[in-house]
Amino acid sequence: MFSLPKRVAVSYELGQIRALLQEKGYEVVDLEVGEKALPKVDAVVVSGLSENLLGREDRLTGAPVIDARGRQAEEVLWDLGKRLK
């Protein structure tokens, strides 16, 4: 059975996380650009710079919002995989 890649909106400043997610097969969209498309994402990854958005994305998307502040890319990937099961 073929499954589409999970679509994740990621804050622009999270370059290492963006790169790792793309490497692992996730479709990554810019959070700043993707705000209009937020209802179409499976998850949202934000940084401390965009923490004021934390309460807004989950209401707009129904998708999990992951705060990447102070975390390694691998930790965010693990958390994302756990939440998207």
Protein backbone atom coordinates (compact mmCIF):
# COMPACT_ATOMS: atom_id res chain seq x y z
CA MET A 1 0.00 0.00 0.00
CA PHE A 2 1.38 3.40 -1.02
CA SER A 3 1.22 6.26 1.46
CA LEU A 4 1.80 9.92 0.81
CA PRO A 5 4.57 11.67 2.72
CA LYS A 6 3.46 13.51 5.83
CA ARG A 7 3.28 17.27 5.28
CA VAL A 8 4.89 19.36 8.03
CA ALA A 9 5.00 23.15 8.35
CA VAL A 10 8.35 24.18 9.87
CA SER A 11 9.59 27.60 10.98
CA TYR A 12 12.10 28.93 8.47
CA GLU A 13 14.91 29.35 11.03
CA LEU A 14 14.95 25.62 11.84
CA GLY A 15 17.27 24.66 8.97
CA GLN A 16 18.73 21.49 10.50
CA ILE A 17 15.31 20.16 11.40
CA ARG A 18 13.95 21.01 7.95
CA ALA A 19 16.87 19.19 6.28
CA LEU A 20 16.49 16.08 8.45
CA LEU A 21 12.74 15.87 7.89
CA GLN A 22 13.19 16.17 4.11
CA GLU A 23 15.93 13.52 4.21
CA LYS A 24 13.51 11.20 6.05
CA GLY A 25 10.79 11.67 3.43
CA TYR A 26 8.58 14.34 4.99
CA GLU A 27 7.15 17.07 2.78
CA VAL A 28 8.31 20.29 4.44
CA VAL A 29 6.58 23.63 3.88
CA ASP A 30 7.55 27.00 5.30
CA LEU A 31 5.44 27.86 8.32
CA GLU A 32 5.41 31.51 7.30
CA VAL A 33 4.26 30.67 3.77
CA GLY A 34 2.22 27.72 4.90
CA GLU A 35 -0.03 29.67 7.26
CA LYS A 36 -2.64 29.85 4.49
CA ALA A 37 -2.23 26.10 3.97
CA LEU A 38 -2.13 25.17 7.67
CA PRO A 39 -5.35 23.19 7.57
CA LYS A 40 -3.59 20.88 5.08
CA VAL A 41 -0.55 19.96 7.20
CA ASP A 42 -0.12 16.91 9.41
CA ALA A 43 2.04 18.71 12.00
CA VAL A 44 3.65 22.06 12.79
CA VAL A 45 7.18 22.58 14.16
CA VAL A 46 7.92 25.97 15.74
CA SER A 47 10.90 27.58 17.42
CA GLY A 48 11.17 30.02 20.30
CA LEU A 49 11.09 32.82 17.72
CA SER A 50 7.59 31.77 16.70
CA GLU A 51 6.32 30.74 20.12
CA ASN A 52 3.56 33.33 19.89
CA LEU A 53 2.05 31.07 17.22
CA LEU A 54 1.88 28.00 19.45
CA GLY A 55 -1.71 28.45 20.46
CA ARG A 56 -2.87 29.37 17.00
CA GLU A 57 -1.66 26.51 14.77
CA ASP A 58 -3.26 23.69 16.66
CA ARG A 59 -6.63 25.46 16.53
CA LEU A 60 -6.26 26.15 12.79
CA THR A 61 -5.03 22.70 11.80
CA GLY A 62 -6.09 20.20 14.41
CA ALA A 63 -2.50 18.96 13.92
CA PRO A 64 0.08 18.53 16.66
CA VAL A 65 2.38 21.50 17.29
CA ILE A 66 5.93 20.64 18.32
CA ASP A 67 8.13 23.22 20.04
CA ALA A 68 11.70 22.67 18.83
CA ARG A 69 13.25 25.27 21.12
CA GLY A 70 16.48 23.91 22.64
CA ARG A 71 16.06 20.47 21.05
CA GLN A 72 18.20 18.49 18.62
CA ALA A 73 16.79 17.69 15.18
CA GLU A 74 16.74 13.97 16.03
CA GLU A 75 14.62 14.64 19.14
CA VAL A 76 12.09 16.57 17.06
CA LEU A 77 12.04 13.78 14.45
CA TRP A 78 11.38 11.18 17.16
CA ASP A 79 8.61 13.29 18.71
CA LEU A 80 7.06 13.90 15.30
CA GLY A 81 7.08 10.20 14.45
CA LYS A 82 5.46 9.37 17.80
CA ARG A 83 2.72 11.96 17.36
CA LEU A 84 1.92 11.05 13.74
CA LYS A 85 1.38 7.32 14.32
